[in-house]
Amino acid sequence: MKALESAPQRYERGMRLLTLGRLERVRCDIVARVAEGDRVLDIGCGTGALAVMLARNGARVTGIDIAPAMLSLAAQRVREEGLQDRIALKEMGAVELDTAFAGDSFDAVVSTLLFSELSDDEVAYTLAECWRILQPGGVLLIADEVLPKSMLGRIATFLFRLPFAIAAFVLTQNTTYRVAGLEDRISAAGFRIVDTESFLMGTMKLFVAEKAV
C-alpha cells in the first residue's frame, strides 16, 4: 500500500478497487459496533474515512498515522465535516503507542488494513499495546487481509486474489500482504474474540475482540 499512501488523493479509489468495494461495508460494520460517546483510537487512520464515520455516529476519535500526506487529507476532511471537536489527529506510528497513551484510555480500538503492513514483532507489540490502552471490557476491531491456515485454503484464496494483486501492482507498483495467524495472535494478546466476519472468500476478515474484565 506504500505507493498509494504516497498519493493519498488516490487512496480511497485504490482501496475500493483492491477490496471490490467491501472496505466500505467493513467500515460500516465497525461503526455499528461502537457506541455513541465511546473514546476510540483509529490506528493507521489514513485519509480519515473511518474516523469521520465514527465521529458522525457520536464517538470521540483519536486517529494516528505515520504518513503526513495522509494526515493532511484527513485533517481537510475533518474540517469539511465540521468535526474538529470530535476528532484529534496525531502523526505517529503504531510502534509509539507505549509512550503516547496511558492505560485504559479508550473504549474501542479500530484498525483497517494496517496489520498486514507490520512485521511479526510489530504485530505482537501493537496487540499488546491495544490491550493495555483499552478499558476493561473495551472492544478491539481489526479488519485486514489474512492467510488461511489450511494449504487448500491458501491455494484457493491465492487464485481468487491473484487478479487483484496484479491490479494492485499495476496501480501502485507495490503489492499487498496477508497476515498469518492473526486470530491466534489476538487471542494470545489476552483478548476474547467474540465475532468474526469474512469478506472476499475469506481473504479479508473483521475480528471483534474484547478485553476481558
N, C-alpha and C. Protein backbone atom coordinates (compact mmCIF):
# COMPACT_ATOMS: atom_id res chain seq x y z
N MET A 1 0.81 -1.21 0.00
CA MET A 1 0.00 0.00 0.00
C MET A 1 0.85 1.27 0.00
N LYS A 2 2.17 1.14 0.08
CA LYS A 2 3.01 2.31 0.27
C LYS A 2 2.89 3.31 -0.86
N ALA A 3 2.81 2.82 -2.11
CA ALA A 3 2.71 3.77 -3.21
C ALA A 3 1.40 4.53 -3.17
N LEU A 4 0.33 3.87 -2.78
CA LEU A 4 -0.94 4.57 -2.63
C LEU A 4 -0.83 5.62 -1.54
N GLU A 5 -0.13 5.29 -0.46
CA GLU A 5 -0.01 6.24 0.64
C GLU A 5 0.78 7.47 0.22
N SER A 6 1.66 7.33 -0.77
CA SER A 6 2.41 8.48 -1.23
C SER A 6 1.58 9.38 -2.13
N ALA A 7 0.42 8.91 -2.56
CA ALA A 7 -0.51 9.71 -3.36
C ALA A 7 -1.89 9.56 -2.73
N PRO A 8 -2.11 10.19 -1.56
CA PRO A 8 -3.32 9.94 -0.78
C PRO A 8 -4.60 10.30 -1.50
N GLN A 9 -4.54 11.21 -2.47
CA GLN A 9 -5.76 11.56 -3.18
C GLN A 9 -6.30 10.37 -3.98
N ARG A 10 -5.43 9.37 -4.24
CA ARG A 10 -5.86 8.17 -4.95
C ARG A 10 -6.19 7.02 -4.01
N TYR A 11 -5.96 7.23 -2.73
CA TYR A 11 -6.03 6.12 -1.78
C TYR A 11 -7.41 5.46 -1.74
N GLU A 12 -8.46 6.25 -1.54
CA GLU A 12 -9.79 5.68 -1.40
C GLU A 12 -10.21 4.95 -2.68
N ARG A 13 -9.92 5.53 -3.83
CA ARG A 13 -10.27 4.87 -5.09
C ARG A 13 -9.51 3.56 -5.24
N GLY A 14 -8.23 3.59 -4.87
CA GLY A 14 -7.43 2.38 -4.94
C GLY A 14 -7.93 1.31 -3.99
N MET A 15 -8.31 1.69 -2.79
CA MET A 15 -8.81 0.72 -1.82
C MET A 15 -10.14 0.11 -2.26
N ARG A 16 -10.98 0.94 -2.85
CA ARG A 16 -12.25 0.39 -3.37
C ARG A 16 -11.99 -0.66 -4.44
N LEU A 17 -11.01 -0.40 -5.29
CA LEU A 17 -10.67 -1.36 -6.33
C LEU A 17 -10.10 -2.64 -5.73
N LEU A 18 -9.14 -2.49 -4.84
CA LEU A 18 -8.44 -3.65 -4.30
C LEU A 18 -9.34 -4.52 -3.42
N THR A 19 -10.38 -3.93 -2.83
CA THR A 19 -11.28 -4.70 -1.97
C THR A 19 -12.65 -4.93 -2.61
N LEU A 20 -12.75 -4.62 -3.89
CA LEU A 20 -14.03 -4.78 -4.61
C LEU A 20 -15.17 -4.06 -3.90
N GLY A 21 -14.87 -2.93 -3.31
CA GLY A 21 -15.89 -2.14 -2.63
C GLY A 21 -16.26 -2.63 -1.25
N ARG A 22 -15.64 -3.71 -0.79
CA ARG A 22 -16.01 -4.28 0.51
C ARG A 22 -15.51 -3.44 1.69
N LEU A 23 -14.50 -2.60 1.45
CA LEU A 23 -13.96 -1.83 2.56
C LEU A 23 -15.01 -0.92 3.18
N GLU A 24 -15.89 -0.36 2.37
CA GLU A 24 -16.97 0.49 2.90
C GLU A 24 -17.90 -0.32 3.79
N ARG A 25 -18.21 -1.55 3.38
CA ARG A 25 -19.05 -2.42 4.19
C ARG A 25 -18.36 -2.74 5.52
N VAL A 26 -17.08 -3.00 5.46
CA VAL A 26 -16.33 -3.29 6.68
C VAL A 26 -16.37 -2.10 7.62
N ARG A 27 -16.16 -0.92 7.08
CA ARG A 27 -16.20 0.29 7.91
C ARG A 27 -17.57 0.46 8.56
N CYS A 28 -18.62 0.23 7.82
CA CYS A 28 -19.97 0.34 8.37
C CYS A 28 -20.18 -0.65 9.51
N ASP A 29 -19.66 -1.87 9.33
CA ASP A 29 -19.78 -2.88 10.39
C ASP A 29 -19.03 -2.45 11.65
N ILE A 30 -17.87 -1.85 11.47
CA ILE A 30 -17.10 -1.37 12.62
C ILE A 30 -17.87 -0.26 13.35
N VAL A 31 -18.37 0.69 12.60
CA VAL A 31 -19.11 1.81 13.20
C VAL A 31 -20.31 1.30 13.99
N ALA A 32 -20.99 0.30 13.47
CA ALA A 32 -22.18 -0.24 14.13
C ALA A 32 -21.86 -0.88 15.48
N ARG A 33 -20.60 -1.23 15.69
CA ARG A 33 -20.19 -1.91 16.93
C ARG A 33 -19.59 -0.95 17.96
N VAL A 34 -19.56 0.34 17.63
CA VAL A 34 -19.03 1.35 18.54
C VAL A 34 -20.18 2.22 19.04
N ALA A 35 -20.26 2.41 20.34
CA ALA A 35 -21.37 3.15 20.93
C ALA A 35 -21.13 4.65 20.89
N GLU A 36 -22.22 5.40 20.88
CA GLU A 36 -22.14 6.85 20.95
C GLU A 36 -21.42 7.27 22.23
N GLY A 37 -20.50 8.21 22.11
CA GLY A 37 -19.75 8.68 23.26
C GLY A 37 -18.49 7.90 23.56
N ASP A 38 -18.27 6.79 22.89
CA ASP A 38 -17.07 5.99 23.11
C ASP A 38 -15.81 6.76 22.71
N ARG A 39 -14.76 6.55 23.45
CA ARG A 39 -13.44 7.07 23.09
C ARG A 39 -12.76 6.01 22.22
N VAL A 40 -12.42 6.39 20.99
CA VAL A 40 -11.94 5.43 20.01
C VAL A 40 -10.56 5.83 19.49
N LEU A 41 -9.66 4.86 19.41
CA LEU A 41 -8.38 5.07 18.75
C LEU A 41 -8.42 4.37 17.40
N ASP A 42 -8.16 5.12 16.33
CA ASP A 42 -8.10 4.58 14.97
C ASP A 42 -6.63 4.51 14.58
N ILE A 43 -6.06 3.29 14.59
CA ILE A 43 -4.64 3.10 14.29
C ILE A 43 -4.46 2.97 12.79
N GLY A 44 -3.64 3.84 12.22
CA GLY A 44 -3.47 3.86 10.78
C GLY A 44 -4.70 4.45 10.11
N CYS A 45 -5.08 5.64 10.55
CA CYS A 45 -6.36 6.23 10.13
C CYS A 45 -6.38 6.67 8.68
N GLY A 46 -5.20 6.75 8.04
CA GLY A 46 -5.17 7.10 6.62
C GLY A 46 -5.81 8.44 6.32
N THR A 47 -6.72 8.44 5.35
CA THR A 47 -7.37 9.69 4.93
C THR A 47 -8.53 10.09 5.84
N GLY A 48 -8.74 9.35 6.92
CA GLY A 48 -9.75 9.73 7.91
C GLY A 48 -11.17 9.28 7.62
N ALA A 49 -11.36 8.41 6.63
CA ALA A 49 -12.71 8.00 6.26
C ALA A 49 -13.44 7.32 7.42
N LEU A 50 -12.79 6.35 8.07
CA LEU A 50 -13.42 5.65 9.18
C LEU A 50 -13.58 6.56 10.39
N ALA A 51 -12.59 7.38 10.68
CA ALA A 51 -12.68 8.31 11.81
C ALA A 51 -13.88 9.23 11.67
N VAL A 52 -14.12 9.73 10.47
CA VAL A 52 -15.26 10.61 10.23
C VAL A 52 -16.57 9.86 10.43
N MET A 53 -16.65 8.65 9.93
CA MET A 53 -17.86 7.85 10.11
C MET A 53 -18.15 7.61 11.59
N LEU A 54 -17.11 7.30 12.34
CA LEU A 54 -17.28 7.07 13.78
C LEU A 54 -17.73 8.34 14.50
N ALA A 55 -17.11 9.46 14.15
CA ALA A 55 -17.47 10.73 14.79
C ALA A 55 -18.89 11.15 14.45
N ARG A 56 -19.31 10.93 13.22
CA ARG A 56 -20.69 11.23 12.85
C ARG A 56 -21.67 10.43 13.70
N ASN A 57 -21.23 9.24 14.12
CA ASN A 57 -22.08 8.37 14.92
C ASN A 57 -21.98 8.67 16.41
N GLY A 58 -21.22 9.72 16.76
CA GLY A 58 -21.18 10.16 18.15
C GLY A 58 -19.95 9.78 18.93
N ALA A 59 -19.00 9.09 18.30
CA ALA A 59 -17.78 8.70 19.01
C ALA A 59 -16.80 9.87 19.07
N ARG A 60 -15.89 9.79 20.04
CA ARG A 60 -14.78 10.75 20.15
C ARG A 60 -13.52 10.02 19.69
N VAL A 61 -12.93 10.46 18.60
CA VAL A 61 -11.92 9.67 17.90
C VAL A 61 -10.55 10.33 17.94
N THR A 62 -9.54 9.51 18.21
CA THR A 62 -8.15 9.90 18.01
C THR A 62 -7.62 9.05 16.86
N GLY A 63 -7.20 9.71 15.79
CA GLY A 63 -6.67 9.00 14.64
C GLY A 63 -5.17 9.19 14.55
N ILE A 64 -4.43 8.09 14.38
CA ILE A 64 -2.98 8.20 14.24
C ILE A 64 -2.55 7.58 12.91
N ASP A 65 -1.53 8.18 12.31
CA ASP A 65 -0.96 7.64 11.07
C ASP A 65 0.46 8.17 10.95
N ILE A 66 1.30 7.38 10.30
CA ILE A 66 2.70 7.75 10.17
C ILE A 66 2.97 8.59 8.93
N ALA A 67 1.98 8.68 8.02
CA ALA A 67 2.18 9.37 6.75
C ALA A 67 1.62 10.79 6.81
N PRO A 68 2.46 11.82 6.77
CA PRO A 68 1.98 13.21 6.85
C PRO A 68 0.99 13.56 5.75
N ALA A 69 1.22 13.07 4.53
CA ALA A 69 0.32 13.40 3.43
C ALA A 69 -1.07 12.84 3.66
N MET A 70 -1.15 11.64 4.22
CA MET A 70 -2.45 11.05 4.53
C MET A 70 -3.15 11.86 5.62
N LEU A 71 -2.40 12.24 6.64
CA LEU A 71 -2.99 13.02 7.73
C LEU A 71 -3.46 14.38 7.26
N SER A 72 -2.75 14.98 6.32
CA SER A 72 -3.16 16.26 5.77
C SER A 72 -4.52 16.15 5.11
N LEU A 73 -4.71 15.09 4.34
CA LEU A 73 -6.00 14.87 3.70
C LEU A 73 -7.09 14.57 4.73
N ALA A 74 -6.71 13.80 5.78
CA ALA A 74 -7.66 13.52 6.85
C ALA A 74 -8.09 14.79 7.56
N ALA A 75 -7.13 15.68 7.83
CA ALA A 75 -7.44 16.94 8.51
C ALA A 75 -8.37 17.79 7.66
N GLN A 76 -8.14 17.80 6.35
CA GLN A 76 -9.03 18.54 5.46
C GLN A 76 -10.45 17.98 5.52
N ARG A 77 -10.54 16.65 5.54
CA ARG A 77 -11.85 16.01 5.60
C ARG A 77 -12.56 16.34 6.91
N VAL A 78 -11.81 16.34 8.00
CA VAL A 78 -12.39 16.66 9.32
C VAL A 78 -12.93 18.09 9.33
N ARG A 79 -12.16 19.01 8.76
CA ARG A 79 -12.61 20.41 8.71
C ARG A 79 -13.87 20.55 7.85
N GLU A 80 -13.89 19.90 6.72
CA GLU A 80 -15.05 19.98 5.83
C GLU A 80 -16.30 19.43 6.49
N GLU A 81 -16.12 18.42 7.34
CA GLU A 81 -17.25 17.82 8.05
C GLU A 81 -17.62 18.58 9.32
N GLY A 82 -16.77 19.55 9.72
CA GLY A 82 -17.01 20.28 10.95
C GLY A 82 -16.90 19.42 12.20
N LEU A 83 -15.96 18.48 12.20
CA LEU A 83 -15.85 17.52 13.30
C LEU A 83 -14.57 17.72 14.12
N GLN A 84 -14.04 18.93 14.10
CA GLN A 84 -12.79 19.19 14.82
C GLN A 84 -12.92 18.93 16.31
N ASP A 85 -14.12 19.07 16.86
CA ASP A 85 -14.31 18.86 18.29
C ASP A 85 -14.45 17.38 18.65
N ARG A 86 -14.55 16.50 17.65
CA ARG A 86 -14.75 15.08 17.91
C ARG A 86 -13.60 14.22 17.40
N ILE A 87 -12.70 14.80 16.58
CA ILE A 87 -11.60 14.02 16.02
C ILE A 87 -10.28 14.75 16.25
N ALA A 88 -9.33 14.05 16.86
CA ALA A 88 -7.97 14.55 17.02
C ALA A 88 -7.04 13.67 16.19
N LEU A 89 -6.15 14.28 15.43
CA LEU A 89 -5.22 13.55 14.57
C LEU A 89 -3.80 13.73 15.07
N LYS A 90 -3.04 12.62 15.05
CA LYS A 90 -1.65 12.66 15.51
C LYS A 90 -0.76 11.94 14.49
N GLU A 91 0.38 12.56 14.19
CA GLU A 91 1.35 11.91 13.31
C GLU A 91 2.24 11.01 14.16
N MET A 92 1.98 9.73 14.10
CA MET A 92 2.76 8.75 14.86
C MET A 92 2.44 7.36 14.34
N GLY A 93 3.34 6.43 14.59
CA GLY A 93 3.13 5.06 14.18
C GLY A 93 2.63 4.19 15.30
N ALA A 94 2.22 2.98 14.95
CA ALA A 94 1.71 2.05 15.95
C ALA A 94 2.78 1.69 16.97
N VAL A 95 4.05 1.73 16.57
CA VAL A 95 5.13 1.34 17.48
C VAL A 95 5.43 2.41 18.53
N GLU A 96 4.68 3.50 18.51
CA GLU A 96 4.86 4.56 19.50
C GLU A 96 3.74 4.59 20.54
N LEU A 97 2.89 3.60 20.53
CA LEU A 97 1.72 3.61 21.41
C LEU A 97 2.12 3.64 22.89
N ASP A 98 3.23 3.00 23.23
CA ASP A 98 3.59 2.89 24.65
C ASP A 98 3.91 4.23 25.29
N THR A 99 4.35 5.18 24.49
CA THR A 99 4.69 6.49 25.04
C THR A 99 3.61 7.55 24.81
N ALA A 100 2.60 7.20 24.03
CA ALA A 100 1.60 8.20 23.63
C ALA A 100 0.34 8.18 24.49
N PHE A 101 -0.04 7.01 24.99
CA PHE A 101 -1.33 6.90 25.68
C PHE A 101 -1.19 6.10 26.97
N ALA A 102 -1.91 6.55 27.98
CA ALA A 102 -1.93 5.85 29.26
C ALA A 102 -2.82 4.61 29.17
N GLY A 103 -2.68 3.72 30.13
CA GLY A 103 -3.51 2.54 30.18
C GLY A 103 -4.99 2.89 30.36
N ASP A 104 -5.87 2.04 29.84
CA ASP A 104 -7.32 2.21 29.99
C ASP A 104 -7.81 3.53 29.40
N SER A 105 -7.18 4.01 28.32
CA SER A 105 -7.53 5.32 27.75
C SER A 105 -8.71 5.28 26.79
N PHE A 106 -9.03 4.11 26.23
CA PHE A 106 -10.03 4.04 25.16
C PHE A 106 -11.07 2.96 25.42
N ASP A 107 -12.26 3.21 24.88
CA ASP A 107 -13.34 2.21 24.93
C ASP A 107 -13.27 1.27 23.74
N ALA A 108 -12.65 1.72 22.66
CA ALA A 108 -12.52 0.90 21.45
C ALA A 108 -11.25 1.27 20.71
N VAL A 109 -10.63 0.27 20.12
CA VAL A 109 -9.50 0.48 19.21
C VAL A 109 -9.87 -0.17 17.89
N VAL A 110 -9.69 0.57 16.80
CA VAL A 110 -10.06 0.06 15.47
C VAL A 110 -8.85 0.16 14.55
N SER A 111 -8.82 -0.71 13.55
CA SER A 111 -7.74 -0.68 12.57
C SER A 111 -8.19 -1.40 11.31
N THR A 112 -7.95 -0.79 10.15
CA THR A 112 -8.27 -1.44 8.89
C THR A 112 -7.03 -1.45 8.00
N LEU A 113 -6.67 -2.64 7.54
CA LEU A 113 -5.57 -2.84 6.59
C LEU A 113 -4.25 -2.24 7.08
N LEU A 114 -4.02 -2.35 8.37
CA LEU A 114 -2.74 -1.90 8.94
C LEU A 114 -1.83 -3.06 9.30
N PHE A 115 -2.38 -4.09 9.94
CA PHE A 115 -1.55 -5.16 10.48
C PHE A 115 -0.81 -5.91 9.38
N SER A 116 -1.35 -5.91 8.17
CA SER A 116 -0.65 -6.54 7.05
C SER A 116 0.59 -5.76 6.63
N GLU A 117 0.76 -4.56 7.17
CA GLU A 117 1.94 -3.73 6.87
C GLU A 117 3.01 -3.86 7.96
N LEU A 118 2.72 -4.61 9.03
CA LEU A 118 3.62 -4.69 10.17
C LEU A 118 4.43 -5.98 10.15
N SER A 119 5.61 -5.94 10.75
CA SER A 119 6.40 -7.16 10.93
C SER A 119 5.77 -8.00 12.03
N ASP A 120 6.23 -9.24 12.18
CA ASP A 120 5.69 -10.11 13.22
C ASP A 120 5.87 -9.49 14.60
N ASP A 121 7.04 -8.94 14.87
CA ASP A 121 7.29 -8.32 16.17
C ASP A 121 6.39 -7.10 16.38
N GLU A 122 6.18 -6.33 15.32
CA GLU A 122 5.32 -5.15 15.43
C GLU A 122 3.87 -5.53 15.66
N VAL A 123 3.43 -6.63 15.06
CA VAL A 123 2.07 -7.11 15.30
C VAL A 123 1.89 -7.46 16.77
N ALA A 124 2.84 -8.23 17.31
CA ALA A 124 2.77 -8.63 18.72
C ALA A 124 2.78 -7.41 19.64
N TYR A 125 3.67 -6.48 19.37
CA TYR A 125 3.76 -5.26 20.18
C TYR A 125 2.46 -4.46 20.12
N THR A 126 1.94 -4.26 18.92
CA THR A 126 0.74 -3.42 18.76
C THR A 126 -0.46 -4.05 19.44
N LEU A 127 -0.61 -5.35 19.34
CA LEU A 127 -1.73 -6.02 20.02
C LEU A 127 -1.59 -5.91 21.54
N ALA A 128 -0.37 -6.04 22.04
CA ALA A 128 -0.16 -5.90 23.49
C ALA A 128 -0.50 -4.48 23.94
N GLU A 129 -0.13 -3.50 23.14
CA GLU A 129 -0.44 -2.12 23.48
C GLU A 129 -1.94 -1.84 23.39
N CYS A 130 -2.60 -2.44 22.42
CA CYS A 130 -4.07 -2.30 22.32
C CYS A 130 -4.73 -2.81 23.60
N TRP A 131 -4.25 -3.94 24.10
CA TRP A 131 -4.81 -4.50 25.34
C TRP A 131 -4.57 -3.52 26.50
N ARG A 132 -3.39 -2.94 26.55
CA ARG A 132 -3.04 -2.03 27.66
C ARG A 132 -3.89 -0.77 27.66
N ILE A 133 -4.09 -0.17 26.49
CA ILE A 133 -4.76 1.14 26.44
C ILE A 133 -6.28 1.04 26.42
N LEU A 134 -6.81 -0.19 26.26
CA LEU A 134 -8.26 -0.36 26.30
C LEU A 134 -8.77 -0.46 27.73
N GLN A 135 -9.94 0.10 27.96
CA GLN A 135 -10.64 -0.09 29.23
C GLN A 135 -11.02 -1.57 29.37
N PRO A 136 -11.13 -2.09 30.61
CA PRO A 136 -11.68 -3.43 30.79
C PRO A 136 -13.05 -3.53 30.12
N GLY A 137 -13.24 -4.55 29.32
CA GLY A 137 -14.48 -4.68 28.57
C GLY A 137 -14.47 -3.94 27.25
N GLY A 138 -13.36 -3.22 26.96
CA GLY A 138 -13.25 -2.48 25.71
C GLY A 138 -13.17 -3.42 24.52
N VAL A 139 -13.44 -2.88 23.34
CA VAL A 139 -13.51 -3.71 22.14
C VAL A 139 -12.39 -3.37 21.17
N LEU A 140 -11.83 -4.41 20.58
CA LEU A 140 -10.82 -4.29 19.54
C LEU A 140 -11.43 -4.76 18.23
N LEU A 141 -11.35 -3.92 17.20
CA LEU A 141 -11.93 -4.23 15.89
C LEU A 141 -10.84 -4.11 14.83
N ILE A 142 -10.41 -5.25 14.30
CA ILE A 142 -9.34 -5.29 13.31
C ILE A 142 -9.86 -5.90 12.02
N ALA A 143 -9.73 -5.18 10.93
CA ALA A 143 -10.07 -5.72 9.61
C ALA A 143 -8.80 -5.74 8.76
N ASP A 144 -8.48 -6.90 8.21
CA ASP A 144 -7.26 -6.99 7.43
C ASP A 144 -7.29 -8.22 6.52
N GLU A 145 -6.31 -8.25 5.63
CA GLU A 145 -6.14 -9.42 4.77
C GLU A 145 -5.47 -10.52 5.58
N VAL A 146 -5.96 -11.75 5.44
CA VAL A 146 -5.46 -12.84 6.26
C VAL A 146 -5.06 -14.03 5.39
N LEU A 147 -4.20 -14.86 5.96
CA LEU A 147 -3.73 -16.07 5.29
C LEU A 147 -4.41 -17.26 5.95
N PRO A 148 -5.20 -18.04 5.19
CA PRO A 148 -5.88 -19.20 5.78
C PRO A 148 -4.89 -20.20 6.37
N LYS A 149 -5.35 -21.00 7.33
CA LYS A 149 -4.47 -21.97 7.98
C LYS A 149 -4.18 -23.16 7.09
N SER A 150 -5.18 -23.65 6.36
CA SER A 150 -5.00 -24.85 5.55
C SER A 150 -4.33 -24.54 4.22
N MET A 151 -3.57 -25.52 3.70
CA MET A 151 -2.90 -25.34 2.42
C MET A 151 -3.92 -25.18 1.30
N LEU A 152 -5.01 -25.95 1.37
CA LEU A 152 -6.05 -25.85 0.35
C LEU A 152 -6.67 -24.46 0.36
N GLY A 153 -6.91 -23.93 1.55
CA GLY A 153 -7.46 -22.59 1.66
C GLY A 153 -6.50 -21.54 1.13
N ARG A 154 -5.22 -21.75 1.37
CA ARG A 154 -4.22 -20.79 0.89
C ARG A 154 -4.16 -20.79 -0.64
N ILE A 155 -4.23 -21.98 -1.22
CA ILE A 155 -4.19 -22.07 -2.68
C ILE A 155 -5.43 -21.44 -3.29
N ALA A 156 -6.61 -21.76 -2.73
CA ALA A 156 -7.86 -21.24 -3.27
C ALA A 156 -7.91 -19.72 -3.19
N THR A 157 -7.53 -19.18 -2.04
CA THR A 157 -7.59 -17.73 -1.89
C THR A 157 -6.49 -17.04 -2.69
N PHE A 158 -5.36 -17.72 -2.89
CA PHE A 158 -4.31 -17.15 -3.74
C PHE A 158 -4.83 -16.99 -5.17
N LEU A 159 -5.49 -18.02 -5.68
CA LEU A 159 -6.02 -17.96 -7.04
C LEU A 159 -7.11 -16.89 -7.16
N PHE A 160 -7.96 -16.78 -6.12
CA PHE A 160 -9.01 -15.77 -6.14
C PHE A 160 -8.41 -14.37 -6.09
N ARG A 161 -7.37 -14.23 -5.30
CA ARG A 161 -6.78 -12.93 -5.03
C ARG A 161 -5.81 -12.47 -6.11
N LEU A 162 -5.29 -13.40 -6.91
CA LEU A 162 -4.24 -13.09 -7.87
C LEU A 162 -4.57 -11.92 -8.80
N PRO A 163 -5.76 -11.86 -9.41
CA PRO A 163 -6.04 -10.73 -10.31
C PRO A 163 -5.99 -9.38 -9.60
N PHE A 164 -6.41 -9.35 -8.34
CA PHE A 164 -6.42 -8.10 -7.60
C PHE A 164 -5.01 -7.71 -7.17
N ALA A 165 -4.17 -8.73 -6.88
CA ALA A 165 -2.78 -8.44 -6.56
C ALA A 165 -2.07 -7.86 -7.76
N ILE A 166 -2.38 -8.39 -8.95
CA ILE A 166 -1.79 -7.86 -10.17
C ILE A 166 -2.27 -6.42 -10.40
N ALA A 167 -3.57 -6.20 -10.20
CA ALA A 167 -4.11 -4.84 -10.36
C ALA A 167 -3.47 -3.88 -9.38
N ALA A 168 -3.23 -4.36 -8.15
CA ALA A 168 -2.58 -3.51 -7.14
C ALA A 168 -1.18 -3.13 -7.58
N PHE A 169 -0.47 -4.10 -8.15
CA PHE A 169 0.89 -3.81 -8.59
C PHE A 169 0.91 -2.82 -9.75
N VAL A 170 -0.02 -3.01 -10.70
CA VAL A 170 -0.10 -2.09 -11.83
C VAL A 170 -0.45 -0.68 -11.36
N LEU A 171 -1.38 -0.60 -10.40
CA LEU A 171 -1.83 0.70 -9.92
C LEU A 171 -0.81 1.39 -9.04
N THR A 172 -0.14 0.62 -8.20
CA THR A 172 0.69 1.21 -7.16
C THR A 172 2.18 0.89 -7.25
N GLN A 173 2.56 0.00 -8.16
CA GLN A 173 3.93 -0.51 -8.22
C GLN A 173 4.33 -1.16 -6.90
N ASN A 174 3.34 -1.71 -6.24
CA ASN A 174 3.57 -2.40 -4.97
C ASN A 174 2.55 -3.51 -4.88
N THR A 175 2.61 -4.29 -3.83
CA THR A 175 1.64 -5.35 -3.67
C THR A 175 1.11 -5.34 -2.24
N THR A 176 0.12 -6.19 -1.97
CA THR A 176 -0.43 -6.29 -0.64
C THR A 176 0.00 -7.61 -0.01
N TYR A 177 -0.14 -7.70 1.29
CA TYR A 177 0.30 -8.87 2.03
C TYR A 177 -0.84 -9.39 2.90
N ARG A 178 -0.71 -10.63 3.31
CA ARG A 178 -1.72 -11.21 4.19
C ARG A 178 -1.09 -11.60 5.52
N VAL A 179 -1.85 -11.47 6.59
CA VAL A 179 -1.34 -11.76 7.92
C VAL A 179 -1.62 -13.22 8.25
N ALA A 180 -0.61 -13.95 8.66
CA ALA A 180 -0.78 -15.33 9.08
C ALA A 180 -1.11 -15.40 10.57
N GLY A 181 -2.11 -16.20 10.92
CA GLY A 181 -2.42 -16.46 12.32
C GLY A 181 -2.89 -15.27 13.11
N LEU A 182 -3.55 -14.31 12.46
CA LEU A 182 -3.95 -13.09 13.17
C LEU A 182 -4.93 -13.40 14.29
N GLU A 183 -5.87 -14.30 14.05
CA GLU A 183 -6.85 -14.65 15.09
C GLU A 183 -6.15 -15.20 16.33
N ASP A 184 -5.19 -16.11 16.12
CA ASP A 184 -4.45 -16.68 17.25
C ASP A 184 -3.63 -15.62 17.96
N ARG A 185 -3.08 -14.68 17.22
CA ARG A 185 -2.27 -13.63 17.83
C ARG A 185 -3.12 -12.70 18.68
N ILE A 186 -4.32 -12.42 18.22
CA ILE A 186 -5.23 -11.59 19.01
C ILE A 186 -5.56 -12.27 20.33
N SER A 187 -5.85 -13.56 20.27
CA SER A 187 -6.15 -14.32 21.48
C SER A 187 -4.94 -14.38 22.40
N ALA A 188 -3.75 -14.57 21.83
CA ALA A 188 -2.53 -14.67 22.63
C ALA A 188 -2.23 -13.37 23.36
N ALA A 189 -2.73 -12.24 22.82
CA ALA A 189 -2.51 -10.94 23.47
C ALA A 189 -3.45 -10.72 24.64
N GLY A 190 -4.35 -11.68 24.91
CA GLY A 190 -5.24 -11.58 26.06
C GLY A 190 -6.67 -11.23 25.73
N PHE A 191 -7.00 -11.10 24.45
CA PHE A 191 -8.36 -10.74 24.05
C PHE A 191 -9.24 -11.99 23.90
N ARG A 192 -10.52 -11.78 24.07
CA ARG A 192 -11.51 -12.82 23.79
C ARG A 192 -12.24 -12.47 22.51
N ILE A 193 -12.06 -13.26 21.48
CA ILE A 193 -12.71 -12.99 20.20
C ILE A 193 -14.19 -13.36 20.31
N VAL A 194 -15.04 -12.40 20.03
CA VAL A 194 -16.48 -12.62 20.18
C VAL A 194 -17.20 -12.74 18.85
N ASP A 195 -16.56 -12.32 17.76
CA ASP A 195 -17.19 -12.43 16.45
C ASP A 195 -16.13 -12.29 15.36
N THR A 196 -16.40 -12.93 14.23
CA THR A 196 -15.53 -12.82 13.06
C THR A 196 -16.40 -12.74 11.82
N GLU A 197 -16.12 -11.80 10.95
CA GLU A 197 -16.82 -11.69 9.68
C GLU A 197 -15.82 -11.84 8.55
N SER A 198 -16.22 -12.58 7.51
CA SER A 198 -15.34 -12.83 6.38
C SER A 198 -15.83 -12.11 5.13
N PHE A 199 -14.88 -11.65 4.33
CA PHE A 199 -15.18 -10.96 3.08
C PHE A 199 -14.24 -11.49 2.00
N LEU A 200 -14.65 -11.35 0.76
CA LEU A 200 -13.80 -11.70 -0.38
C LEU A 200 -13.25 -13.12 -0.26
N MET A 201 -14.18 -14.08 -0.10
CA MET A 201 -13.82 -15.50 0.02
C MET A 201 -12.87 -15.77 1.19
N GLY A 202 -13.01 -14.99 2.23
CA GLY A 202 -12.18 -15.19 3.41
C GLY A 202 -10.81 -14.58 3.33
N THR A 203 -10.50 -13.85 2.24
CA THR A 203 -9.18 -13.21 2.15
C THR A 203 -9.09 -11.97 3.02
N MET A 204 -10.24 -11.42 3.40
CA MET A 204 -10.27 -10.31 4.35
C MET A 204 -11.22 -10.67 5.49
N LYS A 205 -10.82 -10.38 6.71
CA LYS A 205 -11.67 -10.69 7.86
C LYS A 205 -11.73 -9.51 8.81
N LEU A 206 -12.87 -9.40 9.48
CA LEU A 206 -13.05 -8.45 10.57
C LEU A 206 -13.11 -9.25 11.86
N PHE A 207 -12.18 -8.98 12.76
CA PHE A 207 -12.14 -9.63 14.06
C PHE A 207 -12.68 -8.67 15.12
N VAL A 208 -13.61 -9.15 15.92
CA VAL A 208 -14.19 -8.38 17.01
C VAL A 208 -13.78 -9.07 18.31
N ALA A 209 -13.02 -8.37 19.15
CA ALA A 209 -12.50 -8.98 20.36
C ALA A 209 -12.70 -8.04 21.54
N GLU A 210 -12.80 -8.61 22.73
CA GLU A 210 -12.99 -7.85 23.95
C GLU A 210 -11.82 -8.03 24.90
N LYS A 211 -11.52 -6.98 25.63
CA LYS A 211 -10.57 -7.08 26.73
C LYS A 211 -11.32 -7.61 27.93
N ALA A 212 -10.99 -8.82 28.33
CA ALA A 212 -11.73 -9.46 29.41
C ALA A 212 -11.65 -8.64 30.69
N VAL A 213 -12.78 -8.56 31.38
CA VAL A 213 -12.86 -7.80 32.64
C VAL A 213 -12.17 -8.57 33.75
